[in-house]
Each structure stands twice: as C-alpha cells, then as structure tokens.
Amino acid sequence: MADQEVILRKVDSIQNCLQRVFEKTQNNSKWIDDFDSRDIVVLHLIRAIQLCVDTANLIISEQKWGIPRSLGESFYILKKNEVIDHNLMERLQKMVGFRNIATHAYKEINYIILKSIVDHRLNDFEEFYKKVLEFLPTGTS
C-alpha cells in the first residue's frame, strides 16, 4: 500500500487531536462554559473527523473501491469492504454531520451534543484508526 506512511501520519494526527481535546476537558468540568476551551475542542474534533475522512479516502483510492459522493459515503465504502463495521460507520457518519455544522455554521452548535461527543464518542476515533491499522499490511502498526 503506497499510502501507508501517509495513513500512519494521519493516525498520529488523529491521536494528537484527541490528546488536545483530552487536555482541555479532563479535570475541567467548566470547559463547556468557556468560549476558548469550547473553540479549541470543536477545532480539534473537526480536524479529527476530517482526518478520518481523508484516511478513508486514501484507502478507497488505493484499493480502487470507487469514488465517494459525500464524506459520509467514505465510511459506507469502508464498511462495504469490511474495514469497519456497520455501527462504527453510522457513528462516523454522525460525526461528519457534526463536522459540517461546526465547519459551515449551518446552525449554532448544540453544546449538549458537543459535550456528549467528548464524554462518550472519542473512543469512536480510536476504534476507527485501530481498524485502519489492522487493515494495513502486517508490520505497519
């Protein structure tokens, strides 16, 4: 897989984004009330989500599985080809929806949803990159 190094760098970047979210939110129950902390968390979630999409698209391109018509379809293609399971696909597609709202300001971010992502969904990113690393040829993780 020619893009292995790129994928590994993207996984490292996802981990860095999650670390920044963790640093801002752990042991700080007031982060959601602080504009700067919220902004940092949202920025790093957007980056992590986009990095997951980019990683998915690298695999899809390398494997010649087609061209996704949307960001969410990237995860559907990975599911169809058994890189990720159906439940993870759905959770990542919801993350894309959050990313779109946060990036394009379609509407104001629902901070209850933001807090729920931070409290309960960060492990989805870890699950995603672990599945990606399992998919790569042996010796790259």
C-alpha atoms as a PDB file:
ATOM      1  CA  MET A   1       0.000   0.000   0.000  1.00  0.00           C
ATOM      2  CA  ALA A   2       1.781   3.122  -1.256  1.00  0.00           C
ATOM      3  CA  ASP A   3      -0.022   5.479   1.098  1.00  0.00           C
ATOM      4  CA  GLN A   4       0.889   3.601   4.300  1.00  0.00           C
ATOM      5  CA  GLU A   5       3.199   6.333   5.560  1.00  0.00           C
ATOM      6  CA  VAL A   6       0.585   8.984   4.846  1.00  0.00           C
ATOM      7  CA  ILE A   7      -2.053   6.921   6.647  1.00  0.00           C
ATOM      8  CA  LEU A   8       0.244   6.420   9.632  1.00  0.00           C
ATOM      9  CA  ARG A   9       0.866  10.188   9.791  1.00  0.00           C
ATOM     10  CA  LYS A  10      -2.886  10.796   9.687  1.00  0.00           C
ATOM     11  CA  VAL A  11      -3.432   8.315  12.522  1.00  0.00           C
ATOM     12  CA  ASP A  12      -0.764  10.161  14.515  1.00  0.00           C
ATOM     13  CA  SER A  13      -2.550  13.452  13.800  1.00  0.00           C
ATOM     14  CA  ILE A  14      -5.883  11.980  14.944  1.00  0.00           C
ATOM     15  CA  GLN A  15      -4.205  10.908  18.185  1.00  0.00           C
ATOM     16  CA  ASN A  16      -2.782  14.424  18.631  1.00  0.00           C
ATOM     17  CA  CYS A  17      -6.224  15.981  18.119  1.00  0.00           C
ATOM     18  CA  LEU A  18      -7.750  13.643  20.678  1.00  0.00           C
ATOM     19  CA  GLN A  19      -4.958  14.458  23.114  1.00  0.00           C
ATOM     20  CA  ARG A  20      -5.726  18.192  22.794  1.00  0.00           C
ATOM     21  CA  VAL A  21      -9.421  17.535  23.425  1.00  0.00           C
ATOM     22  CA  PHE A  22      -8.499  15.421  26.446  1.00  0.00           C
ATOM     23  CA  GLU A  23      -6.154  18.120  27.798  1.00  0.00           C
ATOM     24  CA  LYS A  24      -8.871  20.773  27.553  1.00  0.00           C
ATOM     25  CA  THR A  25     -11.711  18.735  29.013  1.00  0.00           C
ATOM     26  CA  GLN A  26     -10.354  16.309  31.591  1.00  0.00           C
ATOM     27  CA  ASN A  27     -10.373  17.538  35.181  1.00  0.00           C
ATOM     28  CA  ASN A  28     -12.161  20.673  33.967  1.00  0.00           C
ATOM     29  CA  SER A  29     -15.918  20.421  34.343  1.00  0.00           C
ATOM     30  CA  LYS A  30     -16.278  24.071  33.261  1.00  0.00           C
ATOM     31  CA  TRP A  31     -14.708  23.691  29.792  1.00  0.00           C
ATOM     32  CA  ILE A  32     -18.117  23.754  28.112  1.00  0.00           C
ATOM     33  CA  ASP A  33     -18.813  27.201  29.629  1.00  0.00           C
ATOM     34  CA  ASP A  34     -15.525  28.706  28.451  1.00  0.00           C
ATOM     35  CA  PHE A  35     -15.578  30.059  24.884  1.00  0.00           C
ATOM     36  CA  ASP A  36     -11.869  29.473  24.225  1.00  0.00           C
ATOM     37  CA  SER A  37     -11.914  25.915  25.574  1.00  0.00           C
ATOM     38  CA  ARG A  38     -15.035  25.085  23.553  1.00  0.00           C
ATOM     39  CA  ASP A  39     -13.449  26.575  20.450  1.00  0.00           C
ATOM     40  CA  ILE A  40     -10.290  24.508  20.877  1.00  0.00           C
ATOM     41  CA  VAL A  41     -12.326  21.331  21.419  1.00  0.00           C
ATOM     42  CA  VAL A  42     -14.513  21.987  18.361  1.00  0.00           C
ATOM     43  CA  LEU A  43     -11.471  22.761  16.193  1.00  0.00           C
ATOM     44  CA  HIS A  44      -9.722  19.542  17.159  1.00  0.00           C
ATOM     45  CA  LEU A  45     -12.876  17.474  16.692  1.00  0.00           C
ATOM     46  CA  ILE A  46     -13.311  18.962  13.209  1.00  0.00           C
ATOM     47  CA  ARG A  47      -9.691  18.111  12.417  1.00  0.00           C
ATOM     48  CA  ALA A  48     -10.020  14.563  13.772  1.00  0.00           C
ATOM     49  CA  ILE A  49     -13.190  13.941  11.773  1.00  0.00           C
ATOM     50  CA  GLN A  50     -11.616  15.307   8.595  1.00  0.00           C
ATOM     51  CA  LEU A  51      -8.516  13.186   9.168  1.00  0.00           C
ATOM     52  CA  CYS A  52     -10.734  10.096   9.428  1.00  0.00           C
ATOM     53  CA  VAL A  53     -12.429  11.011   6.141  1.00  0.00           C
ATOM     54  CA  ASP A  54      -9.062  11.643   4.481  1.00  0.00           C
ATOM     55  CA  THR A  55      -7.740   8.313   5.757  1.00  0.00           C
ATOM     56  CA  ALA A  56     -10.826   6.510   4.480  1.00  0.00           C
ATOM     57  CA  ASN A  57     -10.422   8.144   1.080  1.00  0.00           C
ATOM     58  CA  LEU A  58      -6.755   7.160   0.853  1.00  0.00           C
ATOM     59  CA  ILE A  59      -7.689   3.525   1.440  1.00  0.00           C
ATOM     60  CA  ILE A  60     -10.605   3.713  -1.003  1.00  0.00           C
ATOM     61  CA  SER A  61      -8.393   5.226  -3.694  1.00  0.00           C
ATOM     62  CA  GLU A  62      -5.544   2.780  -3.138  1.00  0.00           C
ATOM     63  CA  GLN A  63      -7.909  -0.194  -3.249  1.00  0.00           C
ATOM     64  CA  LYS A  64      -9.804   1.223  -6.256  1.00  0.00           C
ATOM     65  CA  TRP A  65     -13.165   0.873  -4.490  1.00  0.00           C
ATOM     66  CA  GLY A  66     -14.740   3.816  -6.287  1.00  0.00           C
ATOM     67  CA  ILE A  67     -15.225   7.490  -5.590  1.00  0.00           C
ATOM     68  CA  PRO A  68     -17.327   8.543  -2.594  1.00  0.00           C
ATOM     69  CA  ARG A  69     -20.015  11.101  -3.453  1.00  0.00           C
ATOM     70  CA  SER A  70     -20.005  12.505   0.070  1.00  0.00           C
ATOM     71  CA  LEU A  71     -17.883  12.494   3.185  1.00  0.00           C
ATOM     72  CA  GLY A  72     -20.252  10.069   4.883  1.00  0.00           C
ATOM     73  CA  GLU A  73     -20.170   7.705   1.927  1.00  0.00           C
ATOM     74  CA  SER A  74     -16.448   7.231   2.516  1.00  0.00           C
ATOM     75  CA  PHE A  75     -17.315   5.295   5.672  1.00  0.00           C
ATOM     76  CA  TYR A  76     -20.034   3.334   3.874  1.00  0.00           C
ATOM     77  CA  ILE A  77     -17.441   2.169   1.326  1.00  0.00           C
ATOM     78  CA  LEU A  78     -15.102   1.075   4.127  1.00  0.00           C
ATOM     79  CA  LYS A  79     -17.985  -0.818   5.742  1.00  0.00           C
ATOM     80  CA  LYS A  80     -18.958  -2.436   2.441  1.00  0.00           C
ATOM     81  CA  ASN A  81     -15.375  -3.674   2.105  1.00  0.00           C
ATOM     82  CA  GLU A  82     -15.239  -4.874   5.734  1.00  0.00           C
ATOM     83  CA  VAL A  83     -12.655  -2.419   7.013  1.00  0.00           C
ATOM     84  CA  ILE A  84     -15.132  -1.134   9.631  1.00  0.00           C
ATOM     85  CA  ASP A  85     -18.451  -2.489  10.901  1.00  0.00           C
ATOM     86  CA  HIS A  86     -21.931  -1.050  10.418  1.00  0.00           C
ATOM     87  CA  ASN A  87     -22.183   0.515  13.882  1.00  0.00           C
ATOM     88  CA  LEU A  88     -18.886   2.356  13.558  1.00  0.00           C
ATOM     89  CA  MET A  89     -19.885   3.528  10.077  1.00  0.00           C
ATOM     90  CA  GLU A  90     -23.077   5.067  11.469  1.00  0.00           C
ATOM     91  CA  ARG A  91     -21.270   6.783  14.339  1.00  0.00           C
ATOM     92  CA  LEU A  92     -18.651   8.238  11.996  1.00  0.00           C
ATOM     93  CA  GLN A  93     -21.337   9.462   9.611  1.00  0.00           C
ATOM     94  CA  LYS A  94     -22.968  11.296  12.529  1.00  0.00           C
ATOM     95  CA  MET A  95     -19.588  12.834  13.305  1.00  0.00           C
ATOM     96  CA  VAL A  96     -19.458  14.099   9.717  1.00  0.00           C
ATOM     97  CA  GLY A  97     -22.822  15.764  10.336  1.00  0.00           C
ATOM     98  CA  PHE A  98     -21.391  17.468  13.422  1.00  0.00           C
ATOM     99  CA  ARG A  99     -18.317  18.496  11.424  1.00  0.00           C
ATOM    100  CA  ASN A 100     -20.485  20.041   8.720  1.00  0.00           C
ATOM    101  CA  ILE A 101     -22.461  22.092  11.235  1.00  0.00           C
ATOM    102  CA  ALA A 102     -19.297  23.206  13.041  1.00  0.00           C
ATOM    103  CA  THR A 103     -17.357  23.992   9.864  1.00  0.00           C
ATOM    104  CA  HIS A 104     -20.023  25.637   7.750  1.00  0.00           C
ATOM    105  CA  ALA A 105     -22.058  27.224  10.553  1.00  0.00           C
ATOM    106  CA  TYR A 106     -25.347  25.920   9.137  1.00  0.00           C
ATOM    107  CA  LYS A 107     -26.709  26.490  12.612  1.00  0.00           C
ATOM    108  CA  GLU A 108     -25.326  27.067  16.054  1.00  0.00           C
ATOM    109  CA  ILE A 109     -23.506  24.144  17.612  1.00  0.00           C
ATOM    110  CA  ASN A 110     -25.594  22.312  20.172  1.00  0.00           C
ATOM    111  CA  TYR A 111     -23.300  22.233  23.193  1.00  0.00           C
ATOM    112  CA  ILE A 112     -25.189  19.304  24.704  1.00  0.00           C
ATOM    113  CA  ILE A 113     -24.191  17.293  21.611  1.00  0.00           C
ATOM    114  CA  LEU A 114     -20.624  18.604  21.828  1.00  0.00           C
ATOM    115  CA  LYS A 115     -20.358  17.533  25.472  1.00  0.00           C
ATOM    116  CA  SER A 116     -21.865  14.139  24.626  1.00  0.00           C
ATOM    117  CA  ILE A 117     -19.268  13.612  21.883  1.00  0.00           C
ATOM    118  CA  VAL A 118     -16.458  14.485  24.283  1.00  0.00           C
ATOM    119  CA  ASP A 119     -17.880  12.348  27.089  1.00  0.00           C
ATOM    120  CA  HIS A 120     -18.958   9.304  25.073  1.00  0.00           C
ATOM    121  CA  ARG A 121     -17.739   9.263  21.477  1.00  0.00           C
ATOM    122  CA  LEU A 122     -13.995   9.967  21.446  1.00  0.00           C
ATOM    123  CA  ASN A 123     -13.395   6.222  21.519  1.00  0.00           C
ATOM    124  CA  ASP A 124     -15.008   6.057  18.045  1.00  0.00           C
ATOM    125  CA  PHE A 125     -11.909   7.749  16.646  1.00  0.00           C
ATOM    126  CA  GLU A 126      -9.655   5.229  18.362  1.00  0.00           C
ATOM    127  CA  GLU A 127     -11.798   2.350  17.117  1.00  0.00           C
ATOM    128  CA  PHE A 128     -11.576   3.761  13.588  1.00  0.00           C
ATOM    129  CA  TYR A 129      -7.814   4.120  13.487  1.00  0.00           C
ATOM    130  CA  LYS A 130      -7.303   0.697  15.082  1.00  0.00           C
ATOM    131  CA  LYS A 131      -9.436  -0.856  12.321  1.00  0.00           C
ATOM    132  CA  VAL A 132      -7.401   1.047   9.736  1.00  0.00           C
ATOM    133  CA  LEU A 133      -4.134  -0.180  11.247  1.00  0.00           C
ATOM    134  CA  GLU A 134      -5.475  -3.756  11.257  1.00  0.00           C
ATOM    135  CA  PHE A 135      -6.328  -3.365   7.572  1.00  0.00           C
ATOM    136  CA  LEU A 136      -2.825  -2.228   6.625  1.00  0.00           C
ATOM    137  CA  PRO A 137      -0.346  -4.960   5.709  1.00  0.00           C
ATOM    138  CA  THR A 138       1.404  -6.537   8.711  1.00  0.00           C
ATOM    139  CA  GLY A 139       4.268  -4.639  10.256  1.00  0.00           C
ATOM    140  CA  THR A 140       2.912  -1.115   9.815  1.00  0.00           C
ATOM    141  CA  SER A 141       1.060  -0.518  13.082  1.00  0.00           C
END
